[in-house]
Amino acid sequence: MTGRTAEGGGPAVRRWRESLPLYLVAVAATALILAPLAAPGYALRYDMVFVPRQPLSWDLVAPAQSLPRAVPMDALVSLVTQLVPGWVVQRVALAGAVLFAAVGAGRLVPTERRAVRLVAAVAYAWTPYLAERLLIGQWGLLLAYAALPWLARAALNLRAGRDGALARVVLLAAPAAITPTGGLIALATVLVLAADRRLRRSALAVGGVALLNAPWIVAALVTGAGGTSDPAGVAAFAARAENWAGPLVALAGTGGIWSAQATPSSRSAALAPLATVVLVVLAVVGAGLLRRRLPAGAAVRLGVLAGGGYLLAALAVLPGGQGALSWAVAHVPGAGLLRDGQKFLAPYALVLVVCAALGAERLVARIDREVGGIVLAGLLLLPVAAMPDLAFGGAGRISPVRYPADWRAVAERLPDDPGEVLSLPLTAYRAYPWNPGRVVLDPAPRYLPGTVLTDDTLVVDDVAVAGENPRLREVRRVLAEGRPVSATGVGWVVVQHGTPSTVDPAVLAGLDLRYEGESLSLYRNPAASGAPQRTGASRWLVVLACGTAVLAVMAAAFSTLRRRATAW
């Protein structure tokens, strides 16, 4: 028997044994949060829309008349669902987000104590930020949230000059960059944490992550929607007070999303701010330990990243912030990304959790070992006790359903390239009887082929935030004038039944009925004129940007695999 076997295995085996509790806790948290997804079907809630097979259309790759809020995410989903059904993609994405968020946070904590890593893992997987973005359906942003601790670690390793860190930075930024907000968070993380006097290495890292953002940036430059947004959205999307403590305290606890419907009920409890106080106090206590255990300047950089995220989240509720942000949104292209500032709270949430875990370590080091174990166990369960209604899909708010057969029937009756398809009633979000108790973004653009026109006006507490699509403004004007929908020039019309809104039969005058079902009806417009299409050049510019981003990821993956093969 060799000495290595006698010791219980080599370094790799020992590392796995040390990491096993972290992975088990992460799996348990993931299973508890997403338990309803064990049932078949699709969980449809607000922005979370998955369909059996999402057609790959130019409008998903390079939106012609709207801002690229889901570029390249929708194109990636379309490609993947050509191979596997959408329900698989949904479960892998959500489970992966929660699981790797927990493991990543635990691994980022500079400590030798496994229990402290577990505290960080549970705290990061059970934040109000994750709960609220899950309940509003922004699964792409959750992937960025999950990638953030891994990316932060890779960026710090790059600054320390460790081999292979540059490739890992690009690889780990890729999941975040599937949405514009996630891509900006990843870019800011690399800029703040990795930049140093070795300009070539820093420039390569920043440039690589910038390339990952190229698809949505190029799509925004060539879209016909323009780059500015309705400033009314600044007040509508501002951070919200979840209880008596106000919006700044809600943000300090990583909550504060603008939508009350996307907020766990426990966040409105009178004692909820006490959990925030405990977390913040622990973080203050642990900040010094973080500074001593990380390389010189690293903790300060993490603090700058966290502070910047908190400031962006709070900007609309700070004195003068709302006015400045409203002006920027109305006049500066791309500033609309800052309207929902709470999205940028992810770096703050990460640093808060890491420091709080170290604060817990510092606290238990000063008390009896047995009592310290009890205290650590209590802190481990504190996030769950403070927000128990995140469990089981937000207390049942994330629950799978099946699409009625009419959806498939309509999709099969539309030609592969139907041109423009208008979805009526003209509302952005819908409540279906077959998706009881939940509001969801109109699934038609993802379920049906072609360019599906849906309303892009968002109503928040009686405030109508106008969209940017000029084609929809034209359609809305025709309908407001009392003319039939045939006058819009669209090729097809889909009428959705069973929603709170209804369609006046006079609007459908002149259309040919091609399918009628309980949930959907399909009409052909014989007077279709064909809407102007995007020029081939602008389409291919976006494709070129996507290809460049893919090449950057492939190069990073090849470099990492080659380095590991050499190590073996």
Protein backbone atom coordinates (compact mmCIF):
# COMPACT_ATOMS: atom_id res chain seq x y z
CA MET A 1 0.00 0.00 0.00
CA THR A 2 1.47 3.36 -1.03
CA GLY A 3 1.82 6.27 1.31
CA ARG A 4 -0.68 8.30 -0.69
CA THR A 5 -3.32 5.59 -0.37
CA ALA A 6 -2.62 5.28 3.32
CA GLU A 7 -3.26 8.97 3.74
CA GLY A 8 -6.67 8.58 2.14
CA GLY A 9 -5.90 9.71 -1.42
CA GLY A 10 -4.03 12.46 -3.23
CA PRO A 11 -4.60 16.21 -3.19
CA ALA A 12 -7.49 16.00 -5.65
CA VAL A 13 -9.33 13.47 -3.48
CA ARG A 14 -8.74 15.54 -0.36
CA ARG A 15 -10.01 18.68 -2.08
CA TRP A 16 -13.14 16.83 -3.16
CA ARG A 17 -13.81 15.59 0.36
CA GLU A 18 -13.38 19.10 1.71
CA SER A 19 -15.76 20.51 -0.92
CA LEU A 20 -18.39 17.79 -0.60
CA PRO A 21 -20.34 19.45 2.27
CA LEU A 22 -20.47 22.70 0.29
CA TYR A 23 -21.91 20.96 -2.76
CA LEU A 24 -24.40 18.98 -0.65
CA VAL A 25 -25.69 22.15 1.01
CA ALA A 26 -25.92 23.86 -2.39
CA VAL A 27 -27.89 20.93 -3.81
CA ALA A 28 -30.22 20.99 -0.80
CA ALA A 29 -30.87 24.74 -1.19
CA THR A 30 -31.48 24.31 -4.92
CA ALA A 31 -33.91 21.45 -4.38
CA LEU A 32 -35.79 23.34 -1.69
CA ILE A 33 -36.17 26.50 -3.77
CA LEU A 34 -37.08 24.78 -7.04
CA ALA A 35 -39.03 21.79 -5.70
CA PRO A 36 -42.17 22.46 -7.83
CA LEU A 37 -40.10 22.06 -11.00
CA ALA A 38 -40.00 18.32 -10.33
CA ALA A 39 -43.45 18.28 -11.97
CA PRO A 40 -43.71 18.35 -15.79
CA GLY A 41 -44.52 21.49 -17.73
CA TYR A 42 -43.32 25.06 -18.02
CA ALA A 43 -43.07 27.59 -15.18
CA LEU A 44 -44.40 30.81 -16.72
CA ARG A 45 -44.17 33.96 -14.65
CA TYR A 46 -43.60 37.57 -15.74
CA ASP A 47 -40.42 37.61 -17.89
CA MET A 48 -39.79 33.87 -17.62
CA VAL A 49 -41.16 32.39 -20.83
CA PHE A 50 -40.03 29.01 -22.10
CA VAL A 51 -41.67 27.13 -24.95
CA PRO A 52 -41.25 23.58 -26.31
CA ARG A 53 -39.20 24.66 -29.34
CA GLN A 54 -38.33 28.30 -29.83
CA PRO A 55 -37.99 29.19 -33.54
CA LEU A 56 -34.74 30.88 -34.53
CA SER A 57 -35.72 34.13 -36.23
CA TRP A 58 -33.87 37.27 -37.18
CA ASP A 59 -35.94 39.24 -34.68
CA LEU A 60 -34.52 37.19 -31.80
CA VAL A 61 -30.95 37.62 -33.05
CA ALA A 62 -31.21 41.27 -34.10
CA PRO A 63 -34.53 42.96 -33.19
CA ALA A 64 -35.46 45.31 -36.02
CA GLN A 65 -37.83 47.62 -34.15
CA SER A 66 -37.13 47.09 -30.44
CA LEU A 67 -34.23 47.35 -28.03
CA PRO A 68 -32.14 44.15 -27.65
CA ARG A 69 -33.04 43.40 -24.04
CA ALA A 70 -32.85 39.61 -24.62
CA VAL A 71 -29.84 39.51 -26.98
CA PRO A 72 -28.15 37.06 -27.28
CA MET A 73 -30.16 35.09 -24.70
CA ASP A 74 -33.15 34.38 -26.95
CA ALA A 75 -30.94 33.29 -29.84
CA LEU A 76 -29.07 30.87 -27.57
CA VAL A 77 -32.32 29.40 -26.26
CA SER A 78 -33.59 29.00 -29.83
CA LEU A 79 -30.45 27.10 -30.81
CA VAL A 80 -30.53 24.83 -27.77
CA THR A 81 -34.25 24.05 -28.07
CA GLN A 82 -33.64 22.70 -31.57
CA LEU A 83 -31.94 19.81 -29.73
CA VAL A 84 -33.73 19.54 -26.37
CA PRO A 85 -37.19 20.70 -25.26
CA GLY A 86 -37.63 24.02 -23.53
CA TRP A 87 -38.64 22.50 -20.21
CA VAL A 88 -35.18 20.90 -19.96
CA VAL A 89 -33.47 24.22 -20.72
CA GLN A 90 -35.56 25.96 -18.06
CA ARG A 91 -34.71 23.47 -15.35
CA VAL A 92 -31.00 23.36 -16.18
CA ALA A 93 -30.79 27.16 -16.23
CA LEU A 94 -32.63 27.71 -12.94
CA ALA A 95 -31.04 24.83 -11.06
CA GLY A 96 -27.61 25.77 -12.37
CA ALA A 97 -28.09 29.38 -11.29
CA VAL A 98 -28.99 28.53 -7.69
CA LEU A 99 -26.47 25.69 -7.34
CA PHE A 100 -23.45 27.53 -8.71
CA ALA A 101 -24.37 30.74 -6.91
CA ALA A 102 -24.17 28.89 -3.60
CA VAL A 103 -20.98 26.98 -4.41
CA GLY A 104 -19.27 30.02 -5.88
CA ALA A 105 -19.96 32.20 -2.84
CA GLY A 106 -18.73 29.47 -0.51
CA ARG A 107 -15.50 29.02 -2.45
CA LEU A 108 -14.83 32.76 -2.59
CA VAL A 109 -14.65 33.18 1.20
CA PRO A 110 -10.96 33.26 2.30
CA THR A 111 -11.24 30.81 5.18
CA GLU A 112 -10.20 27.28 6.16
CA ARG A 113 -13.41 26.66 8.12
CA ARG A 114 -15.95 24.68 6.12
CA ALA A 115 -18.85 25.84 8.29
CA VAL A 116 -18.07 29.47 7.39
CA ARG A 117 -18.16 28.60 3.70
CA LEU A 118 -21.56 26.98 4.23
CA VAL A 119 -22.86 30.17 5.86
CA ALA A 120 -21.82 32.16 2.78
CA ALA A 121 -23.29 29.57 0.40
CA VAL A 122 -26.73 29.56 1.99
CA ALA A 123 -26.78 33.32 2.45
CA TYR A 124 -25.97 33.96 -1.22
CA ALA A 125 -28.45 31.38 -2.49
CA TRP A 126 -31.21 32.69 -0.21
CA THR A 127 -30.99 36.45 -0.74
CA PRO A 128 -34.00 38.65 -1.44
CA TYR A 129 -32.18 39.58 -4.66
CA LEU A 130 -32.32 36.01 -5.93
CA ALA A 131 -35.88 35.56 -4.71
CA GLU A 132 -37.18 38.72 -6.36
CA ARG A 133 -35.43 38.17 -9.68
CA LEU A 134 -36.70 34.59 -9.69
CA LEU A 135 -40.27 35.71 -9.00
CA ILE A 136 -40.11 38.30 -11.76
CA GLY A 137 -38.74 35.65 -14.11
CA GLN A 138 -35.37 37.16 -15.02
CA TRP A 139 -33.51 33.89 -15.21
CA GLY A 140 -30.76 35.33 -17.42
CA LEU A 141 -29.86 37.80 -14.70
CA LEU A 142 -29.75 34.92 -12.22
CA LEU A 143 -27.08 33.28 -14.38
CA ALA A 144 -25.03 36.46 -14.05
CA TYR A 145 -25.62 36.41 -10.29
CA ALA A 146 -24.39 32.80 -10.16
CA ALA A 147 -21.34 33.54 -12.31
CA LEU A 148 -20.32 36.58 -10.26
CA PRO A 149 -18.44 34.87 -7.36
CA TRP A 150 -16.55 32.63 -9.79
CA LEU A 151 -15.71 35.62 -12.00
CA ALA A 152 -14.59 37.69 -9.03
CA ARG A 153 -12.25 34.93 -7.94
CA ALA A 154 -10.82 34.55 -11.45
CA ALA A 155 -10.32 38.32 -11.76
CA LEU A 156 -8.46 38.45 -8.42
CA ASN A 157 -6.31 35.52 -9.56
CA LEU A 158 -5.56 37.36 -12.79
CA ARG A 159 -4.42 40.41 -10.88
CA ALA A 160 -2.22 38.15 -8.75
CA GLY A 161 -0.59 36.81 -11.93
CA ARG A 162 -1.76 33.19 -11.68
CA ASP A 163 -1.49 31.00 -14.76
CA GLY A 164 -4.65 30.40 -16.75
CA ALA A 165 -6.61 33.16 -15.02
CA LEU A 166 -7.16 35.19 -18.20
CA ALA A 167 -8.95 32.33 -19.97
CA ARG A 168 -11.06 31.63 -16.87
CA VAL A 169 -12.12 35.28 -16.70
CA VAL A 170 -13.51 35.13 -20.24
CA LEU A 171 -15.17 31.75 -19.71
CA LEU A 172 -16.82 32.77 -16.46
CA ALA A 173 -18.04 36.09 -17.87
CA ALA A 174 -19.82 34.30 -20.72
CA PRO A 175 -22.93 33.17 -18.75
CA ALA A 176 -23.35 36.70 -17.41
CA ALA A 177 -23.12 38.30 -20.87
CA ILE A 178 -26.21 36.58 -22.28
CA THR A 179 -28.14 39.68 -21.13
CA PRO A 180 -27.05 43.34 -21.35
CA THR A 181 -27.28 43.93 -17.60
CA GLY A 182 -25.33 40.78 -16.78
CA GLY A 183 -22.72 41.69 -19.36
CA LEU A 184 -22.25 45.14 -17.84
CA ILE A 185 -21.92 43.66 -14.34
CA ALA A 186 -19.28 41.23 -15.62
CA LEU A 187 -17.39 44.00 -17.42
CA ALA A 188 -17.42 46.23 -14.33
CA THR A 189 -16.22 43.32 -12.18
CA VAL A 190 -13.22 42.70 -14.42
CA LEU A 191 -12.43 46.40 -14.75
CA VAL A 192 -12.42 46.95 -10.99
CA LEU A 193 -10.84 43.71 -9.78
CA ALA A 194 -8.35 42.80 -12.50
CA ALA A 195 -6.93 46.12 -13.67
CA ASP A 196 -3.34 46.84 -12.58
CA ARG A 197 -0.07 48.22 -13.92
CA ARG A 198 0.43 45.20 -16.18
CA LEU A 199 -1.61 46.82 -18.91
CA ARG A 200 -1.38 44.09 -21.53
CA ARG A 201 -2.94 41.41 -19.34
CA SER A 202 -5.62 43.78 -18.01
CA ALA A 203 -6.44 44.99 -21.51
CA LEU A 204 -6.82 41.43 -22.79
CA ALA A 205 -9.21 40.59 -19.94
CA VAL A 206 -11.30 43.72 -20.39
CA GLY A 207 -11.25 43.34 -24.16
CA GLY A 208 -12.31 39.70 -23.96
CA VAL A 209 -15.31 40.51 -21.75
CA ALA A 210 -16.15 43.49 -23.97
CA LEU A 211 -16.30 41.13 -26.95
CA LEU A 212 -18.85 39.03 -25.07
CA ASN A 213 -21.02 42.15 -24.85
CA ALA A 214 -20.66 42.89 -28.57
CA PRO A 215 -23.88 41.09 -29.71
CA TRP A 216 -26.29 43.29 -27.79
CA ILE A 217 -24.22 46.46 -28.28
CA VAL A 218 -24.17 46.05 -32.08
CA ALA A 219 -27.86 45.08 -32.09
CA ALA A 220 -28.64 48.28 -30.16
CA LEU A 221 -26.68 50.36 -32.66
CA VAL A 222 -28.52 49.05 -35.72
CA THR A 223 -32.07 48.72 -34.36
CA GLY A 224 -34.77 51.06 -35.60
CA ALA A 225 -36.02 51.66 -32.06
CA GLY A 226 -33.45 54.31 -31.20
CA GLY A 227 -31.49 54.27 -27.97
CA THR A 228 -33.52 56.39 -25.58
CA SER A 229 -36.41 55.31 -23.35
CA ASP A 230 -39.45 56.75 -21.60
CA PRO A 231 -38.24 58.68 -18.51
CA ALA A 232 -41.51 57.74 -16.75
CA GLY A 233 -39.87 54.38 -16.17
CA VAL A 234 -37.36 55.88 -13.75
CA ALA A 235 -39.95 56.48 -11.04
CA ALA A 236 -41.85 53.29 -11.93
CA PHE A 237 -38.74 51.10 -11.62
CA ALA A 238 -37.18 52.86 -8.64
CA ALA A 239 -36.30 50.80 -5.57
CA ARG A 240 -39.35 50.20 -3.38
CA ALA A 241 -39.78 50.13 0.37
CA GLU A 242 -40.75 46.60 1.37
CA ASN A 243 -41.63 47.47 4.96
CA TRP A 244 -41.43 50.35 7.43
CA ALA A 245 -37.65 50.71 7.06
CA GLY A 246 -37.75 52.32 3.60
CA PRO A 247 -36.09 51.59 0.25
CA LEU A 248 -32.47 52.16 1.34
CA VAL A 249 -32.74 49.51 4.05
CA ALA A 250 -34.52 47.19 1.61
CA LEU A 251 -31.55 47.59 -0.74
CA ALA A 252 -29.12 47.05 2.13
CA GLY A 253 -30.77 43.66 2.60
CA THR A 254 -30.40 43.02 -1.19
CA GLY A 255 -34.15 43.51 -1.81
CA GLY A 256 -36.14 46.53 -2.97
CA ILE A 257 -37.36 45.43 -6.41
CA TRP A 258 -39.93 47.77 -7.94
CA SER A 259 -42.67 45.13 -8.25
CA ALA A 260 -44.66 44.18 -5.17
CA GLN A 261 -45.85 41.05 -6.99
CA ALA A 262 -42.25 39.85 -7.28
CA THR A 263 -41.52 40.32 -3.57
CA PRO A 264 -41.85 37.47 -1.05
CA SER A 265 -44.55 38.25 1.52
CA SER A 266 -42.07 37.79 4.36
CA ARG A 267 -40.20 40.91 3.21
CA SER A 268 -43.11 43.05 4.41
CA ALA A 269 -42.93 41.71 7.98
CA ALA A 270 -42.15 44.24 10.69
CA LEU A 271 -39.14 42.25 11.90
CA ALA A 272 -37.64 41.73 8.43
CA PRO A 273 -35.22 44.67 8.76
CA LEU A 274 -33.67 42.99 11.82
CA ALA A 275 -32.23 40.27 9.58
CA THR A 276 -30.70 43.02 7.46
CA VAL A 277 -29.19 44.65 10.53
CA VAL A 278 -27.65 41.34 11.65
CA LEU A 279 -26.20 40.73 8.18
CA VAL A 280 -24.77 44.25 7.84
CA VAL A 281 -23.26 44.21 11.35
CA LEU A 282 -21.62 40.86 10.66
CA ALA A 283 -20.30 42.22 7.36
CA VAL A 284 -18.75 45.23 9.10
CA VAL A 285 -17.13 42.90 11.63
CA GLY A 286 -15.80 40.63 8.89
CA ALA A 287 -14.54 43.36 6.54
CA GLY A 288 -11.23 43.66 8.39
CA LEU A 289 -10.67 39.92 8.16
CA LEU A 290 -11.31 40.04 4.42
CA ARG A 291 -8.76 42.84 4.02
CA ARG A 292 -6.08 40.92 5.92
CA ARG A 293 -6.61 37.62 4.07
CA LEU A 294 -6.74 38.93 0.52
CA PRO A 295 -3.80 40.40 -1.40
CA ALA A 296 -3.11 44.08 -0.82
CA GLY A 297 -5.83 46.27 -2.30
CA ALA A 298 -8.15 43.40 -3.25
CA ALA A 299 -10.65 44.00 -0.45
CA VAL A 300 -10.77 47.71 -1.28
CA ARG A 301 -11.56 46.88 -4.90
CA LEU A 302 -14.34 44.54 -3.80
CA GLY A 303 -15.68 47.34 -1.64
CA VAL A 304 -15.64 49.76 -4.58
CA LEU A 305 -17.50 47.21 -6.71
CA ALA A 306 -20.10 46.65 -4.00
CA GLY A 307 -20.49 50.36 -3.30
CA GLY A 308 -20.93 51.15 -6.98
CA GLY A 309 -23.62 48.50 -7.30
CA TYR A 310 -25.48 49.84 -4.27
CA LEU A 311 -25.24 53.43 -5.54
CA LEU A 312 -26.70 52.49 -8.92
CA ALA A 313 -29.50 50.60 -7.20
CA ALA A 314 -30.31 53.54 -4.93
CA LEU A 315 -29.81 56.35 -7.45
CA ALA A 316 -33.50 56.87 -8.26
CA VAL A 317 -34.44 57.29 -4.57
CA LEU A 318 -31.53 59.56 -3.60
CA PRO A 319 -32.00 63.36 -3.55
CA GLY A 320 -31.63 64.64 -7.11
CA GLY A 321 -30.99 61.16 -8.45
CA GLN A 322 -34.37 60.65 -10.05
CA GLY A 323 -34.19 63.90 -11.99
CA ALA A 324 -30.67 63.22 -13.24
CA LEU A 325 -31.54 59.68 -14.22
CA SER A 326 -34.74 60.78 -15.97
CA TRP A 327 -32.76 63.27 -18.05
CA ALA A 328 -30.18 60.61 -18.96
CA VAL A 329 -32.81 58.05 -19.92
CA ALA A 330 -34.56 60.56 -22.19
CA HIS A 331 -31.41 61.93 -23.86
CA VAL A 332 -28.51 59.45 -23.56
CA PRO A 333 -28.72 56.30 -25.69
CA GLY A 334 -28.51 53.17 -23.57
CA ALA A 335 -29.19 54.92 -20.25
CA GLY A 336 -32.49 53.06 -20.04
CA LEU A 337 -30.47 50.10 -18.75
CA LEU A 338 -30.13 52.02 -15.48
CA ARG A 339 -33.87 52.47 -14.88
CA ASP A 340 -34.26 49.23 -12.93
CA GLY A 341 -31.19 49.96 -10.83
CA GLN A 342 -31.84 47.20 -8.30
CA LYS A 343 -30.53 44.75 -10.90
CA PHE A 344 -27.02 46.10 -10.31
CA LEU A 345 -27.14 45.15 -6.64
CA ALA A 346 -25.59 41.73 -7.34
CA PRO A 347 -21.94 42.72 -6.55
CA TYR A 348 -23.09 44.32 -3.30
CA ALA A 349 -24.96 41.13 -2.37
CA LEU A 350 -21.84 39.04 -2.97
CA VAL A 351 -19.49 41.22 -0.95
CA LEU A 352 -22.07 41.55 1.84
CA VAL A 353 -22.42 37.77 2.12
CA VAL A 354 -18.66 37.09 2.03
CA CYS A 355 -17.95 39.70 4.70
CA ALA A 356 -20.87 38.50 6.84
CA ALA A 357 -19.54 34.92 6.72
CA LEU A 358 -16.15 36.16 7.89
CA GLY A 359 -17.88 38.20 10.58
CA ALA A 360 -19.54 35.00 11.78
CA GLU A 361 -16.14 33.31 11.89
CA ARG A 362 -14.74 36.16 13.93
CA LEU A 363 -17.70 36.06 16.30
CA VAL A 364 -17.54 32.34 17.06
CA ALA A 365 -13.76 32.48 17.51
CA ARG A 366 -14.33 34.45 20.71
CA ILE A 367 -16.80 32.09 22.34
CA ASP A 368 -16.86 28.49 23.53
CA ARG A 369 -16.46 25.91 20.74
CA GLU A 370 -19.78 24.16 21.39
CA VAL A 371 -21.67 27.43 21.70
CA GLY A 372 -19.89 28.66 18.58
CA GLY A 373 -21.16 25.67 16.64
CA ILE A 374 -24.72 26.47 17.69
CA VAL A 375 -24.26 30.12 16.69
CA LEU A 376 -22.90 29.12 13.28
CA ALA A 377 -25.84 26.76 12.77
CA GLY A 378 -28.23 29.59 13.64
CA LEU A 379 -26.51 31.96 11.22
CA LEU A 380 -26.58 29.26 8.57
CA LEU A 381 -30.37 29.04 8.87
CA LEU A 382 -30.99 32.76 9.40
CA PRO A 383 -31.65 33.57 5.70
CA VAL A 384 -34.15 30.71 5.47
CA ALA A 385 -35.88 31.71 8.71
CA ALA A 386 -36.06 35.36 7.63
CA MET A 387 -37.54 34.51 4.21
CA PRO A 388 -39.16 31.06 4.40
CA ASP A 389 -41.49 31.76 1.48
CA LEU A 390 -38.67 31.47 -1.05
CA ALA A 391 -38.91 27.70 -0.50
CA PHE A 392 -40.99 25.57 -2.86
CA GLY A 393 -40.88 28.00 -5.73
CA GLY A 394 -41.67 31.09 -3.71
CA ALA A 395 -44.46 29.33 -1.81
CA GLY A 396 -45.96 27.96 -5.03
CA ARG A 397 -45.63 31.04 -7.21
CA ILE A 398 -43.23 29.20 -9.52
CA SER A 399 -45.19 26.16 -10.67
CA PRO A 400 -45.26 24.34 -14.03
CA VAL A 401 -48.23 24.30 -16.39
CA ARG A 402 -48.85 22.96 -19.90
CA TYR A 403 -49.60 25.05 -22.96
CA PRO A 404 -53.05 24.36 -24.46
CA ALA A 405 -52.99 22.37 -27.70
CA ASP A 406 -54.12 25.49 -29.61
CA TRP A 407 -50.64 26.96 -29.34
CA ARG A 408 -49.06 24.09 -31.21
CA ALA A 409 -51.89 24.05 -33.75
CA VAL A 410 -51.44 27.73 -34.56
CA ALA A 411 -47.64 27.40 -34.78
CA GLU A 412 -48.02 24.52 -37.26
CA ARG A 413 -50.44 26.49 -39.46
CA LEU A 414 -48.15 29.48 -39.81
CA PRO A 415 -45.58 29.26 -42.62
CA ASP A 416 -41.90 29.09 -41.73
CA ASP A 417 -41.46 32.75 -42.72
CA PRO A 418 -44.85 34.37 -42.10
CA GLY A 419 -43.55 37.93 -41.88
CA GLU A 420 -45.31 40.02 -39.26
CA VAL A 421 -47.76 38.38 -36.85
CA LEU A 422 -49.83 40.65 -34.61
CA SER A 423 -50.79 39.31 -31.17
CA LEU A 424 -54.10 40.58 -29.77
CA PRO A 425 -55.31 41.85 -27.34
CA LEU A 426 -52.56 44.45 -27.41
CA THR A 427 -51.13 43.97 -23.91
CA ALA A 428 -47.58 43.09 -22.92
CA TYR A 429 -48.37 40.82 -19.96
CA ARG A 430 -51.25 38.38 -19.72
CA ALA A 431 -53.07 36.26 -17.15
CA TYR A 432 -54.32 32.97 -18.61
CA PRO A 433 -56.88 30.65 -17.01
CA TRP A 434 -54.53 27.72 -17.72
CA ASN A 435 -51.71 29.52 -15.84
CA PRO A 436 -53.79 30.37 -12.76
CA GLY A 437 -52.77 33.17 -10.47
CA ARG A 438 -49.74 34.19 -12.52
CA VAL A 439 -49.04 36.97 -14.98
CA VAL A 440 -46.62 36.26 -17.81
CA LEU A 441 -45.09 38.09 -20.74
CA ASP A 442 -46.91 37.21 -23.97
CA PRO A 443 -45.36 33.87 -25.09
CA ALA A 444 -46.29 34.41 -28.77
CA PRO A 445 -42.94 35.94 -29.89
CA ARG A 446 -41.10 32.87 -28.59
CA TYR A 447 -43.64 30.22 -29.53
CA LEU A 448 -44.57 31.35 -33.05
CA PRO A 449 -42.35 31.85 -36.10
CA GLY A 450 -41.81 35.22 -37.75
CA THR A 451 -41.78 38.70 -36.27
CA VAL A 452 -44.51 38.69 -33.64
CA LEU A 453 -45.71 42.16 -32.66
CA THR A 454 -46.82 42.48 -29.03
CA ASP A 455 -47.45 45.56 -26.99
CA ASP A 456 -44.29 46.95 -25.37
CA THR A 457 -46.04 49.41 -23.06
CA LEU A 458 -45.56 48.45 -19.41
CA VAL A 459 -48.11 49.58 -16.83
CA VAL A 460 -46.73 49.92 -13.28
CA ASP A 461 -49.14 51.14 -10.59
CA ASP A 462 -51.24 53.13 -13.10
CA VAL A 463 -48.11 54.59 -14.72
CA ALA A 464 -47.80 53.67 -18.40
CA VAL A 465 -44.16 53.35 -19.43
CA ALA A 466 -44.05 53.67 -23.21
CA GLY A 467 -42.06 51.22 -25.29
CA GLU A 468 -39.60 52.06 -28.04
CA ASN A 469 -40.96 50.07 -31.02
CA PRO A 470 -41.98 52.51 -33.81
CA ARG A 471 -43.88 49.79 -35.68
CA LEU A 472 -46.07 49.16 -32.64
CA ARG A 473 -46.76 52.86 -32.33
CA GLU A 474 -48.06 52.76 -35.90
CA VAL A 475 -50.25 49.73 -35.19
CA ARG A 476 -51.57 51.34 -32.02
CA ARG A 477 -52.46 54.50 -33.92
CA VAL A 478 -54.43 52.57 -36.56
CA LEU A 479 -56.44 50.76 -33.88
CA ALA A 480 -56.99 53.99 -31.89
CA GLU A 481 -58.49 55.58 -35.01
CA GLY A 482 -61.07 52.80 -35.12
CA ARG A 483 -59.77 51.24 -38.31
CA PRO A 484 -59.60 47.44 -38.69
CA VAL A 485 -56.34 45.64 -38.04
CA SER A 486 -56.07 44.79 -41.75
CA ALA A 487 -55.06 48.42 -42.32
CA THR A 488 -51.83 47.85 -40.39
CA GLY A 489 -50.40 45.70 -43.16
CA VAL A 490 -49.50 42.76 -40.92
CA GLY A 491 -49.70 39.35 -42.57
CA TRP A 492 -51.25 37.36 -39.73
CA VAL A 493 -53.23 38.03 -36.55
CA VAL A 494 -53.39 35.79 -33.49
CA VAL A 495 -56.24 36.47 -31.04
CA GLN A 496 -55.74 35.10 -27.54
CA HIS A 497 -58.89 34.18 -25.62
CA GLY A 498 -59.50 33.91 -21.89
CA THR A 499 -57.45 36.96 -20.90
CA PRO A 500 -58.94 39.95 -19.02
CA SER A 501 -58.79 42.06 -22.20
CA THR A 502 -61.03 41.37 -25.19
CA VAL A 503 -60.90 42.14 -28.90
CA ASP A 504 -63.73 44.02 -30.63
CA PRO A 505 -64.97 41.88 -33.56
CA ALA A 506 -64.99 45.04 -35.72
CA VAL A 507 -61.21 45.16 -35.42
CA LEU A 508 -60.99 41.81 -37.23
CA ALA A 509 -63.08 42.89 -40.22
CA GLY A 510 -61.59 41.84 -43.53
CA LEU A 511 -59.44 39.02 -42.10
CA ASP A 512 -59.68 35.37 -43.15
CA LEU A 513 -60.15 32.93 -40.27
CA ARG A 514 -57.64 30.07 -40.59
CA TYR A 515 -57.99 28.41 -37.18
CA GLU A 516 -60.33 28.79 -34.24
CA GLY A 517 -59.77 27.19 -30.85
CA GLU A 518 -60.69 27.72 -27.23
CA SER A 519 -57.42 29.52 -26.44
CA LEU A 520 -56.30 30.98 -29.78
CA SER A 521 -57.67 32.02 -33.15
CA LEU A 522 -55.54 32.61 -36.25
CA TYR A 523 -56.39 35.03 -39.05
CA ARG A 524 -54.74 35.78 -42.40
CA ASN A 525 -54.76 39.35 -43.69
CA PRO A 526 -55.42 39.31 -47.46
CA ALA A 527 -54.48 43.00 -47.60
CA ALA A 528 -51.03 42.40 -46.13
CA SER A 529 -48.52 44.82 -47.60
CA GLY A 530 -45.40 43.40 -45.99
CA ALA A 531 -43.54 45.50 -43.47
CA PRO A 532 -40.15 46.93 -44.32
CA GLN A 533 -37.39 44.51 -43.43
CA ARG A 534 -34.02 45.22 -41.89
CA THR A 535 -31.24 45.45 -44.45
CA GLY A 536 -29.01 42.42 -44.76
CA ALA A 537 -25.94 44.45 -43.78
CA SER A 538 -27.28 45.35 -40.34
CA ARG A 539 -28.40 41.78 -39.70
CA TRP A 540 -25.01 40.38 -40.55
CA LEU A 541 -23.24 42.93 -38.37
CA VAL A 542 -25.02 41.40 -35.38
CA VAL A 543 -24.19 37.89 -36.60
CA LEU A 544 -20.54 38.94 -36.90
CA ALA A 545 -20.62 40.26 -33.32
CA CYS A 546 -22.16 36.99 -32.11
CA GLY A 547 -19.52 34.99 -33.97
CA THR A 548 -16.75 37.07 -32.44
CA ALA A 549 -18.12 36.46 -28.96
CA VAL A 550 -18.35 32.72 -29.63
CA LEU A 551 -14.76 32.65 -30.88
CA ALA A 552 -13.60 34.43 -27.71
CA VAL A 553 -15.33 31.80 -25.55
CA MET A 554 -13.95 28.94 -27.66
CA ALA A 555 -10.42 30.33 -27.48
CA ALA A 556 -10.67 30.64 -23.70
CA ALA A 557 -12.07 27.11 -23.39
CA PHE A 558 -9.32 25.68 -25.61
CA SER A 559 -6.64 27.44 -23.57
CA THR A 560 -8.08 26.09 -20.31
CA LEU A 561 -8.38 22.52 -21.64
CA ARG A 562 -4.85 22.58 -23.04
CA ARG A 563 -3.45 23.79 -19.73
CA ARG A 564 -5.25 21.04 -17.84
CA ALA A 565 -4.11 18.39 -20.31
CA THR A 566 -0.53 19.56 -19.83
CA ALA A 567 -0.94 19.39 -16.06
CA TRP A 568 -2.08 15.77 -16.32
